Amino acid sequence: MKDEIKEFKRIKILDAALELFSRYGFSETSMESVAESLGVSKPFIYTYFDNKYALLTALYERVTDQLVALLKDALDRADDPPDAQLSFLIRQLALVNMDSQLSRVFLQEERHLDKRFLQSVRRREKEFDRRLCELIERGVRMGIFHVQDPALAGLAITGMVRWIHRWYQPTGRLNREQMSQEIAALALKTLGVSRTKASARR
């Protein structure tokens, strides 16, 4: 119970830091402002994080952990064909990337990360890209996907999904679920799969 309370408080601090980093940027956010947003003292924040760089690092860990978990969930659907696995993955990634705060911080504040930690982030991203490429290659071998360069196709699809937060509007004509489905359909179309064929295999 004590550990659960500690983790709850840690998450609340990270959520507050995320909102401030997203709104004002990392450089313009102080530990004091994080504490003020929560109505607590700075020593309380320092109990959980040594400095704001530690806050940023933890947020990047949250993103990369989430990325790896979503890929694992998709690949664990072993009974599904590659296009269904990919569709599931892209839908989940799209929903995550509609969170403008986390996506904005992840894409804009990496220059403030410790170089060694940034290297570990890059390694995990490359591992994600490699496994996504393998999924696409498997689809090509099965005659489901039709692309010449699976690695490039994977990077293009990932890039498309990552920038959703820059233009998606919750008040737009498509809700979150509809948008995620449309993005997944576009990803499959990039791989040479029509919406009709993808639906028929589900």
N, C-alpha and C. Protein backbone atom coordinates (compact mmCIF):
# COMPACT_ATOMS: atom_id res chain seq x y z
N MET A 1 0.83 -1.20 0.00
CA MET A 1 0.00 0.00 0.00
C MET A 1 0.87 1.26 0.00
N LYS A 2 1.96 1.23 0.78
CA LYS A 2 2.84 2.38 0.86
C LYS A 2 3.49 2.65 -0.48
N ASP A 3 3.90 1.59 -1.18
CA ASP A 3 4.52 1.75 -2.49
C ASP A 3 3.52 2.28 -3.51
N GLU A 4 2.27 1.86 -3.39
CA GLU A 4 1.24 2.33 -4.32
C GLU A 4 0.99 3.82 -4.13
N ILE A 5 0.98 4.27 -2.89
CA ILE A 5 0.78 5.70 -2.61
C ILE A 5 1.95 6.51 -3.16
N LYS A 6 3.15 5.99 -2.97
CA LYS A 6 4.34 6.66 -3.47
C LYS A 6 4.30 6.78 -4.99
N GLU A 7 3.91 5.71 -5.65
CA GLU A 7 3.83 5.72 -7.12
C GLU A 7 2.74 6.67 -7.58
N PHE A 8 1.63 6.72 -6.87
CA PHE A 8 0.55 7.65 -7.21
C PHE A 8 1.04 9.09 -7.15
N LYS A 9 1.77 9.42 -6.11
CA LYS A 9 2.29 10.78 -5.97
C LYS A 9 3.30 11.09 -7.06
N ARG A 10 4.12 10.11 -7.38
CA ARG A 10 5.12 10.28 -8.44
C ARG A 10 4.45 10.57 -9.78
N ILE A 11 3.38 9.84 -10.07
CA ILE A 11 2.65 10.04 -11.32
C ILE A 11 2.00 11.42 -11.36
N LYS A 12 1.45 11.86 -10.23
CA LYS A 12 0.83 13.19 -10.17
C LYS A 12 1.86 14.29 -10.45
N ILE A 13 3.06 14.11 -9.94
CA ILE A 13 4.13 15.09 -10.18
C ILE A 13 4.50 15.10 -11.66
N LEU A 14 4.63 13.91 -12.24
CA LEU A 14 4.97 13.82 -13.66
C LEU A 14 3.88 14.42 -14.53
N ASP A 15 2.64 14.20 -14.18
CA ASP A 15 1.54 14.76 -14.97
C ASP A 15 1.57 16.29 -14.92
N ALA A 16 1.88 16.83 -13.74
CA ALA A 16 1.96 18.28 -13.60
C ALA A 16 3.13 18.83 -14.41
N ALA A 17 4.27 18.15 -14.35
CA ALA A 17 5.43 18.58 -15.12
C ALA A 17 5.14 18.51 -16.61
N LEU A 18 4.47 17.46 -17.04
CA LEU A 18 4.12 17.30 -18.45
C LEU A 18 3.29 18.48 -18.94
N GLU A 19 2.30 18.86 -18.18
CA GLU A 19 1.44 19.97 -18.58
C GLU A 19 2.24 21.27 -18.71
N LEU A 20 3.14 21.51 -17.77
CA LEU A 20 3.94 22.74 -17.79
C LEU A 20 4.98 22.70 -18.91
N PHE A 21 5.64 21.57 -19.10
CA PHE A 21 6.61 21.45 -20.18
C PHE A 21 5.93 21.67 -21.53
N SER A 22 4.73 21.14 -21.66
CA SER A 22 4.00 21.27 -22.92
C SER A 22 3.55 22.70 -23.16
N ARG A 23 3.11 23.37 -22.11
CA ARG A 23 2.57 24.72 -22.25
C ARG A 23 3.66 25.78 -22.37
N TYR A 24 4.70 25.66 -21.54
CA TYR A 24 5.72 26.71 -21.48
C TYR A 24 7.09 26.29 -22.00
N GLY A 25 7.30 24.99 -22.19
CA GLY A 25 8.61 24.50 -22.59
C GLY A 25 9.44 24.11 -21.38
N PHE A 26 10.39 23.24 -21.60
CA PHE A 26 11.24 22.75 -20.51
C PHE A 26 12.04 23.88 -19.88
N SER A 27 12.64 24.74 -20.69
CA SER A 27 13.53 25.79 -20.18
C SER A 27 12.81 26.79 -19.30
N GLU A 28 11.54 27.04 -19.60
CA GLU A 28 10.78 28.04 -18.86
C GLU A 28 10.03 27.46 -17.67
N THR A 29 10.21 26.19 -17.42
CA THR A 29 9.53 25.54 -16.29
C THR A 29 10.54 25.28 -15.18
N SER A 30 10.17 25.60 -13.96
CA SER A 30 11.04 25.38 -12.81
C SER A 30 10.42 24.35 -11.87
N MET A 31 11.24 23.81 -11.00
CA MET A 31 10.72 22.89 -10.00
C MET A 31 9.70 23.60 -9.11
N GLU A 32 9.94 24.88 -8.88
CA GLU A 32 9.01 25.66 -8.06
C GLU A 32 7.64 25.75 -8.73
N SER A 33 7.62 25.95 -10.05
CA SER A 33 6.34 26.05 -10.75
C SER A 33 5.61 24.72 -10.74
N VAL A 34 6.35 23.61 -10.80
CA VAL A 34 5.72 22.29 -10.70
C VAL A 34 5.09 22.13 -9.33
N ALA A 35 5.82 22.53 -8.30
CA ALA A 35 5.30 22.43 -6.94
C ALA A 35 4.06 23.30 -6.76
N GLU A 36 4.12 24.54 -7.29
CA GLU A 36 2.98 25.46 -7.16
C GLU A 36 1.74 24.92 -7.86
N SER A 37 1.94 24.27 -9.01
CA SER A 37 0.78 23.74 -9.74
C SER A 37 0.08 22.63 -8.97
N LEU A 38 0.81 21.96 -8.09
CA LEU A 38 0.25 20.89 -7.29
C LEU A 38 -0.16 21.34 -5.89
N GLY A 39 0.22 22.57 -5.56
CA GLY A 39 -0.09 23.07 -4.22
C GLY A 39 0.74 22.42 -3.14
N VAL A 40 2.00 22.07 -3.48
CA VAL A 40 2.90 21.44 -2.51
C VAL A 40 4.20 22.23 -2.46
N SER A 41 5.10 21.83 -1.57
CA SER A 41 6.38 22.51 -1.44
C SER A 41 7.42 21.90 -2.39
N LYS A 42 8.47 22.66 -2.67
CA LYS A 42 9.55 22.12 -3.50
C LYS A 42 10.22 20.91 -2.87
N PRO A 43 10.45 20.90 -1.55
CA PRO A 43 11.04 19.70 -0.93
C PRO A 43 10.22 18.44 -1.19
N PHE A 44 8.89 18.58 -1.30
CA PHE A 44 8.05 17.43 -1.61
C PHE A 44 8.40 16.88 -2.99
N ILE A 45 8.59 17.77 -3.96
CA ILE A 45 8.95 17.34 -5.32
C ILE A 45 10.32 16.67 -5.31
N TYR A 46 11.26 17.26 -4.55
CA TYR A 46 12.62 16.72 -4.51
C TYR A 46 12.68 15.36 -3.81
N THR A 47 11.65 15.03 -3.09
CA THR A 47 11.60 13.70 -2.47
C THR A 47 11.52 12.61 -3.54
N TYR A 48 10.93 12.96 -4.68
CA TYR A 48 10.71 11.99 -5.75
C TYR A 48 11.63 12.19 -6.96
N PHE A 49 12.05 13.43 -7.19
CA PHE A 49 12.89 13.72 -8.35
C PHE A 49 13.99 14.70 -7.96
N ASP A 50 15.22 14.39 -8.38
CA ASP A 50 16.37 15.21 -7.99
C ASP A 50 16.33 16.60 -8.61
N ASN A 51 15.81 16.71 -9.82
CA ASN A 51 15.76 17.98 -10.53
C ASN A 51 14.79 17.86 -11.70
N LYS A 52 14.63 18.92 -12.47
CA LYS A 52 13.66 18.86 -13.56
C LYS A 52 14.16 18.00 -14.72
N TYR A 53 15.48 17.80 -14.80
CA TYR A 53 16.00 16.89 -15.81
C TYR A 53 15.54 15.46 -15.52
N ALA A 54 15.45 15.13 -14.25
CA ALA A 54 14.94 13.81 -13.86
C ALA A 54 13.47 13.67 -14.23
N LEU A 55 12.73 14.77 -14.12
CA LEU A 55 11.33 14.75 -14.53
C LEU A 55 11.22 14.49 -16.03
N LEU A 56 12.04 15.18 -16.81
CA LEU A 56 12.00 15.01 -18.26
C LEU A 56 12.40 13.59 -18.66
N THR A 57 13.42 13.07 -18.01
CA THR A 57 13.86 11.70 -18.28
C THR A 57 12.74 10.71 -18.01
N ALA A 58 12.04 10.89 -16.91
CA ALA A 58 10.95 9.98 -16.55
C ALA A 58 9.82 10.04 -17.58
N LEU A 59 9.57 11.23 -18.12
CA LEU A 59 8.53 11.36 -19.13
C LEU A 59 8.93 10.65 -20.43
N TYR A 60 10.20 10.74 -20.78
CA TYR A 60 10.68 10.02 -21.96
C TYR A 60 10.61 8.51 -21.75
N GLU A 61 10.89 8.09 -20.54
CA GLU A 61 10.77 6.67 -20.23
C GLU A 61 9.31 6.22 -20.38
N ARG A 62 8.40 7.08 -19.98
CA ARG A 62 6.98 6.76 -20.10
C ARG A 62 6.62 6.54 -21.57
N VAL A 63 7.11 7.42 -22.44
CA VAL A 63 6.79 7.31 -23.86
C VAL A 63 7.39 6.05 -24.47
N THR A 64 8.67 5.81 -24.21
CA THR A 64 9.33 4.65 -24.82
C THR A 64 8.78 3.34 -24.26
N ASP A 65 8.45 3.32 -22.97
CA ASP A 65 7.83 2.12 -22.39
C ASP A 65 6.48 1.84 -23.06
N GLN A 66 5.75 2.91 -23.29
CA GLN A 66 4.44 2.79 -23.92
C GLN A 66 4.57 2.28 -25.35
N LEU A 67 5.58 2.78 -26.06
CA LEU A 67 5.82 2.37 -27.44
C LEU A 67 6.11 0.88 -27.52
N VAL A 68 7.01 0.43 -26.65
CA VAL A 68 7.39 -0.99 -26.62
C VAL A 68 6.19 -1.86 -26.24
N ALA A 69 5.40 -1.41 -25.28
CA ALA A 69 4.25 -2.19 -24.82
C ALA A 69 3.20 -2.33 -25.92
N LEU A 70 2.97 -1.26 -26.67
CA LEU A 70 1.98 -1.32 -27.74
C LEU A 70 2.42 -2.27 -28.85
N LEU A 71 3.70 -2.25 -29.17
CA LEU A 71 4.21 -3.17 -30.18
C LEU A 71 4.08 -4.62 -29.70
N LYS A 72 4.40 -4.86 -28.44
CA LYS A 72 4.29 -6.21 -27.88
C LYS A 72 2.84 -6.69 -27.93
N ASP A 73 1.90 -5.80 -27.59
CA ASP A 73 0.49 -6.17 -27.62
C ASP A 73 0.07 -6.58 -29.03
N ALA A 74 0.56 -5.84 -30.03
CA ALA A 74 0.21 -6.15 -31.41
C ALA A 74 0.81 -7.48 -31.85
N LEU A 75 2.08 -7.70 -31.54
CA LEU A 75 2.75 -8.93 -31.97
C LEU A 75 2.25 -10.15 -31.20
N ASP A 76 1.73 -9.92 -29.99
CA ASP A 76 1.19 -11.03 -29.21
C ASP A 76 -0.12 -11.57 -29.80
N ARG A 77 -0.71 -10.82 -30.70
CA ARG A 77 -1.94 -11.28 -31.36
C ARG A 77 -1.54 -12.25 -32.49
N ALA A 78 -0.92 -13.34 -32.07
CA ALA A 78 -0.27 -14.26 -33.02
C ALA A 78 -1.24 -14.92 -33.99
N ASP A 79 -2.50 -15.01 -33.64
CA ASP A 79 -3.47 -15.64 -34.53
C ASP A 79 -3.94 -14.70 -35.64
N ASP A 80 -3.61 -13.42 -35.51
CA ASP A 80 -4.00 -12.44 -36.52
C ASP A 80 -2.99 -12.39 -37.65
N PRO A 81 -3.42 -12.14 -38.89
CA PRO A 81 -2.48 -11.95 -39.99
C PRO A 81 -1.74 -10.61 -39.82
N PRO A 82 -0.64 -10.41 -40.52
CA PRO A 82 0.17 -9.19 -40.35
C PRO A 82 -0.60 -7.88 -40.53
N ASP A 83 -1.56 -7.84 -41.48
CA ASP A 83 -2.29 -6.59 -41.68
C ASP A 83 -3.19 -6.27 -40.49
N ALA A 84 -3.76 -7.28 -39.86
CA ALA A 84 -4.59 -7.06 -38.67
C ALA A 84 -3.72 -6.62 -37.49
N GLN A 85 -2.55 -7.24 -37.35
CA GLN A 85 -1.62 -6.84 -36.29
C GLN A 85 -1.18 -5.40 -36.48
N LEU A 86 -0.84 -5.04 -37.71
CA LEU A 86 -0.38 -3.69 -37.99
C LEU A 86 -1.51 -2.68 -37.76
N SER A 87 -2.71 -3.03 -38.20
CA SER A 87 -3.85 -2.13 -38.01
C SER A 87 -4.09 -1.87 -36.52
N PHE A 88 -4.03 -2.93 -35.73
CA PHE A 88 -4.20 -2.78 -34.28
C PHE A 88 -3.12 -1.85 -33.71
N LEU A 89 -1.86 -2.08 -34.11
CA LEU A 89 -0.76 -1.26 -33.62
C LEU A 89 -0.94 0.20 -33.98
N ILE A 90 -1.26 0.48 -35.24
CA ILE A 90 -1.38 1.86 -35.69
C ILE A 90 -2.56 2.56 -35.01
N ARG A 91 -3.65 1.85 -34.83
CA ARG A 91 -4.79 2.46 -34.13
C ARG A 91 -4.41 2.87 -32.72
N GLN A 92 -3.69 2.00 -32.02
CA GLN A 92 -3.29 2.31 -30.65
C GLN A 92 -2.28 3.46 -30.62
N LEU A 93 -1.33 3.43 -31.54
CA LEU A 93 -0.34 4.51 -31.60
C LEU A 93 -0.99 5.85 -31.93
N ALA A 94 -1.98 5.81 -32.82
CA ALA A 94 -2.68 7.04 -33.19
C ALA A 94 -3.40 7.63 -31.98
N LEU A 95 -4.05 6.77 -31.22
CA LEU A 95 -4.76 7.25 -30.03
C LEU A 95 -3.79 7.89 -29.04
N VAL A 96 -2.62 7.25 -28.87
CA VAL A 96 -1.61 7.80 -27.96
C VAL A 96 -1.11 9.15 -28.46
N ASN A 97 -0.86 9.25 -29.77
CA ASN A 97 -0.28 10.47 -30.31
C ASN A 97 -1.28 11.61 -30.46
N MET A 98 -2.55 11.34 -30.22
CA MET A 98 -3.52 12.43 -30.15
C MET A 98 -3.39 13.19 -28.85
N ASP A 99 -2.63 12.62 -27.91
CA ASP A 99 -2.31 13.33 -26.66
C ASP A 99 -1.24 14.35 -27.00
N SER A 100 -1.65 15.58 -27.25
CA SER A 100 -0.72 16.60 -27.74
C SER A 100 0.39 16.90 -26.74
N GLN A 101 0.11 16.82 -25.45
CA GLN A 101 1.11 17.17 -24.45
C GLN A 101 2.31 16.24 -24.49
N LEU A 102 2.05 14.94 -24.36
CA LEU A 102 3.14 13.98 -24.30
C LEU A 102 3.91 13.93 -25.61
N SER A 103 3.21 13.96 -26.72
CA SER A 103 3.86 13.92 -28.02
C SER A 103 4.70 15.17 -28.26
N ARG A 104 4.17 16.33 -27.89
CA ARG A 104 4.89 17.58 -28.10
C ARG A 104 6.19 17.59 -27.30
N VAL A 105 6.12 17.21 -26.05
CA VAL A 105 7.32 17.20 -25.21
C VAL A 105 8.33 16.20 -25.75
N PHE A 106 7.87 15.02 -26.14
CA PHE A 106 8.77 13.99 -26.63
C PHE A 106 9.53 14.45 -27.87
N LEU A 107 8.85 15.15 -28.77
CA LEU A 107 9.46 15.54 -30.03
C LEU A 107 10.26 16.85 -29.96
N GLN A 108 10.02 17.65 -28.93
CA GLN A 108 10.63 18.98 -28.91
C GLN A 108 11.69 19.19 -27.84
N GLU A 109 11.77 18.34 -26.85
CA GLU A 109 12.64 18.65 -25.71
C GLU A 109 13.82 17.70 -25.56
N GLU A 110 14.12 16.88 -26.55
CA GLU A 110 15.17 15.89 -26.38
C GLU A 110 16.56 16.51 -26.26
N ARG A 111 16.73 17.75 -26.72
CA ARG A 111 18.05 18.40 -26.60
C ARG A 111 18.45 18.61 -25.15
N HIS A 112 17.52 18.51 -24.24
CA HIS A 112 17.81 18.70 -22.82
C HIS A 112 18.15 17.39 -22.11
N LEU A 113 18.07 16.28 -22.82
CA LEU A 113 18.34 14.99 -22.20
C LEU A 113 19.84 14.73 -22.07
N ASP A 114 20.17 13.98 -21.05
CA ASP A 114 21.54 13.49 -20.90
C ASP A 114 21.89 12.65 -22.13
N LYS A 115 23.10 12.82 -22.66
CA LYS A 115 23.49 12.15 -23.90
C LYS A 115 23.40 10.63 -23.78
N ARG A 116 23.80 10.11 -22.64
CA ARG A 116 23.75 8.66 -22.46
C ARG A 116 22.31 8.16 -22.46
N PHE A 117 21.44 8.90 -21.80
CA PHE A 117 20.04 8.49 -21.78
C PHE A 117 19.43 8.63 -23.16
N LEU A 118 19.78 9.69 -23.89
CA LEU A 118 19.26 9.88 -25.24
C LEU A 118 19.67 8.71 -26.14
N GLN A 119 20.87 8.21 -25.94
CA GLN A 119 21.33 7.05 -26.71
C GLN A 119 20.46 5.83 -26.42
N SER A 120 20.06 5.68 -25.16
CA SER A 120 19.20 4.54 -24.81
C SER A 120 17.82 4.70 -25.44
N VAL A 121 17.33 5.93 -25.53
CA VAL A 121 16.05 6.19 -26.20
C VAL A 121 16.16 5.82 -27.68
N ARG A 122 17.26 6.23 -28.29
CA ARG A 122 17.48 5.93 -29.70
C ARG A 122 17.55 4.41 -29.94
N ARG A 123 18.19 3.69 -29.02
CA ARG A 123 18.28 2.24 -29.17
C ARG A 123 16.90 1.59 -29.12
N ARG A 124 16.07 2.07 -28.22
CA ARG A 124 14.73 1.50 -28.11
C ARG A 124 13.88 1.86 -29.33
N GLU A 125 14.07 3.05 -29.85
CA GLU A 125 13.35 3.43 -31.07
C GLU A 125 13.79 2.56 -32.25
N LYS A 126 15.09 2.31 -32.34
CA LYS A 126 15.59 1.48 -33.43
C LYS A 126 15.10 0.04 -33.31
N GLU A 127 14.98 -0.44 -32.07
CA GLU A 127 14.44 -1.78 -31.85
C GLU A 127 12.99 -1.84 -32.29
N PHE A 128 12.24 -0.79 -31.98
CA PHE A 128 10.85 -0.71 -32.44
C PHE A 128 10.80 -0.73 -33.96
N ASP A 129 11.63 0.09 -34.60
CA ASP A 129 11.66 0.15 -36.07
C ASP A 129 12.02 -1.21 -36.67
N ARG A 130 12.97 -1.90 -36.03
CA ARG A 130 13.40 -3.20 -36.54
C ARG A 130 12.27 -4.22 -36.49
N ARG A 131 11.57 -4.25 -35.38
CA ARG A 131 10.49 -5.24 -35.23
C ARG A 131 9.29 -4.90 -36.10
N LEU A 132 9.04 -3.60 -36.30
CA LEU A 132 7.98 -3.20 -37.21
C LEU A 132 8.35 -3.62 -38.63
N CYS A 133 9.61 -3.44 -39.01
CA CYS A 133 10.09 -3.86 -40.32
C CYS A 133 9.91 -5.36 -40.49
N GLU A 134 10.20 -6.13 -39.46
CA GLU A 134 10.04 -7.58 -39.53
C GLU A 134 8.58 -7.96 -39.75
N LEU A 135 7.67 -7.23 -39.11
CA LEU A 135 6.24 -7.49 -39.28
C LEU A 135 5.84 -7.22 -40.73
N ILE A 136 6.33 -6.12 -41.28
CA ILE A 136 6.01 -5.78 -42.67
C ILE A 136 6.63 -6.80 -43.62
N GLU A 137 7.86 -7.21 -43.35
CA GLU A 137 8.51 -8.22 -44.19
C GLU A 137 7.72 -9.52 -44.20
N ARG A 138 7.20 -9.89 -43.04
CA ARG A 138 6.41 -11.13 -42.95
C ARG A 138 5.14 -11.00 -43.80
N GLY A 139 4.54 -9.80 -43.76
CA GLY A 139 3.36 -9.56 -44.59
C GLY A 139 3.68 -9.61 -46.08
N VAL A 140 4.87 -9.13 -46.44
CA VAL A 140 5.29 -9.20 -47.84
C VAL A 140 5.46 -10.65 -48.28
N ARG A 141 6.12 -11.46 -47.44
CA ARG A 141 6.33 -12.86 -47.78
C ARG A 141 5.02 -13.62 -47.94
N MET A 142 4.00 -13.19 -47.18
CA MET A 142 2.70 -13.86 -47.24
C MET A 142 1.83 -13.32 -48.37
N GLY A 143 2.33 -12.33 -49.09
CA GLY A 143 1.58 -11.75 -50.20
C GLY A 143 0.50 -10.79 -49.77
N ILE A 144 0.55 -10.33 -48.51
CA ILE A 144 -0.45 -9.38 -47.98
C ILE A 144 -0.02 -7.94 -48.23
N PHE A 145 1.26 -7.65 -47.95
CA PHE A 145 1.81 -6.31 -48.18
C PHE A 145 2.58 -6.30 -49.51
N HIS A 146 2.60 -5.15 -50.15
CA HIS A 146 3.26 -5.03 -51.45
C HIS A 146 4.11 -3.76 -51.47
N VAL A 147 5.31 -3.85 -50.90
CA VAL A 147 6.25 -2.73 -50.88
C VAL A 147 7.65 -3.25 -51.20
N GLN A 148 8.46 -2.39 -51.81
CA GLN A 148 9.82 -2.76 -52.16
C GLN A 148 10.78 -2.65 -50.99
N ASP A 149 10.52 -1.68 -50.10
CA ASP A 149 11.44 -1.40 -49.00
C ASP A 149 10.66 -1.38 -47.68
N PRO A 150 10.53 -2.52 -47.01
CA PRO A 150 9.77 -2.59 -45.76
C PRO A 150 10.28 -1.64 -44.67
N ALA A 151 11.61 -1.48 -44.59
CA ALA A 151 12.16 -0.59 -43.55
C ALA A 151 11.72 0.85 -43.79
N LEU A 152 11.82 1.32 -45.03
CA LEU A 152 11.40 2.68 -45.36
C LEU A 152 9.91 2.86 -45.16
N ALA A 153 9.13 1.86 -45.53
CA ALA A 153 7.68 1.93 -45.35
C ALA A 153 7.33 2.05 -43.86
N GLY A 154 8.03 1.29 -43.04
CA GLY A 154 7.79 1.36 -41.59
C GLY A 154 8.10 2.73 -41.03
N LEU A 155 9.22 3.32 -41.46
CA LEU A 155 9.59 4.65 -40.99
C LEU A 155 8.57 5.70 -41.44
N ALA A 156 8.09 5.55 -42.68
CA ALA A 156 7.10 6.50 -43.19
C ALA A 156 5.80 6.43 -42.40
N ILE A 157 5.37 5.23 -42.08
CA ILE A 157 4.13 5.05 -41.32
C ILE A 157 4.29 5.60 -39.91
N THR A 158 5.42 5.29 -39.27
CA THR A 158 5.66 5.79 -37.91
C THR A 158 5.70 7.31 -37.90
N GLY A 159 6.36 7.90 -38.90
CA GLY A 159 6.42 9.35 -38.98
C GLY A 159 5.05 9.98 -39.14
N MET A 160 4.20 9.35 -39.96
CA MET A 160 2.84 9.86 -40.16
C MET A 160 2.07 9.89 -38.84
N VAL A 161 2.22 8.82 -38.06
CA VAL A 161 1.46 8.72 -36.82
C VAL A 161 1.98 9.68 -35.76
N ARG A 162 3.29 9.87 -35.70
CA ARG A 162 3.88 10.68 -34.64
C ARG A 162 3.44 12.14 -34.66
N TRP A 163 3.09 12.65 -35.82
CA TRP A 163 2.77 14.08 -35.92
C TRP A 163 1.28 14.38 -35.86
N ILE A 164 0.47 13.40 -35.52
CA ILE A 164 -0.97 13.64 -35.43
C ILE A 164 -1.28 14.77 -34.45
N HIS A 165 -0.53 14.83 -33.37
CA HIS A 165 -0.83 15.83 -32.33
C HIS A 165 -0.73 17.26 -32.84
N ARG A 166 -0.02 17.48 -33.95
CA ARG A 166 0.14 18.83 -34.46
C ARG A 166 -1.12 19.35 -35.14
N TRP A 167 -1.95 18.46 -35.61
CA TRP A 167 -3.12 18.93 -36.37
C TRP A 167 -4.45 18.36 -35.89
N TYR A 168 -4.45 17.30 -35.08
CA TYR A 168 -5.72 16.71 -34.66
C TYR A 168 -6.48 17.63 -33.72
N GLN A 169 -7.77 17.79 -33.97
CA GLN A 169 -8.64 18.60 -33.12
C GLN A 169 -9.80 17.74 -32.61
N PRO A 170 -9.92 17.60 -31.28
CA PRO A 170 -11.01 16.78 -30.72
C PRO A 170 -12.38 17.24 -31.16
N THR A 171 -12.51 18.51 -31.54
CA THR A 171 -13.80 19.05 -31.96
C THR A 171 -14.00 18.94 -33.47
N GLY A 172 -13.08 18.26 -34.15
CA GLY A 172 -13.19 18.10 -35.60
C GLY A 172 -14.26 17.11 -36.01
N ARG A 173 -14.33 16.83 -37.31
CA ARG A 173 -15.42 15.98 -37.82
C ARG A 173 -15.25 14.52 -37.45
N LEU A 174 -14.04 14.08 -37.09
CA LEU A 174 -13.80 12.70 -36.69
C LEU A 174 -13.43 12.63 -35.22
N ASN A 175 -14.06 11.71 -34.49
CA ASN A 175 -13.67 11.53 -33.10
C ASN A 175 -12.38 10.71 -33.02
N ARG A 176 -11.90 10.47 -31.84
CA ARG A 176 -10.61 9.80 -31.66
C ARG A 176 -10.59 8.41 -32.30
N GLU A 177 -11.62 7.63 -32.06
CA GLU A 177 -11.66 6.27 -32.59
C GLU A 177 -11.75 6.27 -34.12
N GLN A 178 -12.59 7.16 -34.65
CA GLN A 178 -12.71 7.25 -36.11
C GLN A 178 -11.39 7.68 -36.74
N MET A 179 -10.72 8.63 -36.10
CA MET A 179 -9.44 9.09 -36.63
C MET A 179 -8.40 7.97 -36.60
N SER A 180 -8.37 7.21 -35.51
CA SER A 180 -7.39 6.12 -35.42
C SER A 180 -7.64 5.08 -36.51
N GLN A 181 -8.91 4.82 -36.81
CA GLN A 181 -9.24 3.85 -37.86
C GLN A 181 -8.82 4.36 -39.23
N GLU A 182 -9.01 5.65 -39.47
CA GLU A 182 -8.63 6.23 -40.76
C GLU A 182 -7.11 6.22 -40.94
N ILE A 183 -6.39 6.51 -39.88
CA ILE A 183 -4.92 6.50 -39.94
C ILE A 183 -4.43 5.08 -40.21
N ALA A 184 -5.05 4.10 -39.56
CA ALA A 184 -4.67 2.70 -39.79
C ALA A 184 -4.94 2.31 -41.23
N ALA A 185 -6.06 2.76 -41.79
CA ALA A 185 -6.39 2.45 -43.18
C ALA A 185 -5.36 3.07 -44.13
N LEU A 186 -4.91 4.28 -43.82
CA LEU A 186 -3.89 4.93 -44.64
C LEU A 186 -2.57 4.17 -44.56
N ALA A 187 -2.24 3.69 -43.35
CA ALA A 187 -1.00 2.91 -43.19
C ALA A 187 -1.05 1.64 -44.02
N LEU A 188 -2.18 0.94 -43.99
CA LEU A 188 -2.32 -0.28 -44.77
C LEU A 188 -2.29 0.02 -46.28
N LYS A 189 -2.88 1.14 -46.66
CA LYS A 189 -2.86 1.53 -48.08
C LYS A 189 -1.43 1.79 -48.54
N THR A 190 -0.61 2.36 -47.65
CA THR A 190 0.80 2.58 -47.95
C THR A 190 1.50 1.26 -48.27
N LEU A 191 1.02 0.20 -47.64
CA LEU A 191 1.62 -1.13 -47.83
C LEU A 191 0.92 -1.92 -48.93
N GLY A 192 0.01 -1.28 -49.64
CA GLY A 192 -0.65 -1.94 -50.76
C GLY A 192 -1.85 -2.76 -50.39
N VAL A 193 -2.46 -2.47 -49.24
CA VAL A 193 -3.65 -3.22 -48.80
C VAL A 193 -4.86 -2.31 -48.90
N SER A 194 -5.86 -2.73 -49.63
CA SER A 194 -7.08 -1.93 -49.74
C SER A 194 -7.92 -2.09 -48.49
N ARG A 195 -8.77 -1.14 -48.25
CA ARG A 195 -9.66 -1.21 -47.08
C ARG A 195 -10.56 -2.45 -47.15
N THR A 196 -11.01 -2.82 -48.36
CA THR A 196 -11.90 -3.98 -48.52
C THR A 196 -11.19 -5.27 -48.14
N LYS A 197 -9.93 -5.42 -48.63
CA LYS A 197 -9.19 -6.64 -48.34
C LYS A 197 -8.85 -6.74 -46.86
N ALA A 198 -8.49 -5.60 -46.24
CA ALA A 198 -8.15 -5.60 -44.82
C ALA A 198 -9.36 -6.00 -43.98
N SER A 199 -10.54 -5.49 -44.35
CA SER A 199 -11.75 -5.80 -43.60
C SER A 199 -12.12 -7.27 -43.76
N ALA A 200 -11.88 -7.83 -44.94
CA ALA A 200 -12.25 -9.22 -45.19
C ALA A 200 -11.43 -10.19 -44.36
N ARG A 201 -10.21 -9.81 -43.95
CA ARG A 201 -9.36 -10.71 -43.19
C ARG A 201 -9.57 -10.59 -41.69
N ARG A 202 -10.35 -9.64 -41.24
CA ARG A 202 -10.53 -9.47 -39.80
C ARG A 202 -11.51 -10.52 -39.25
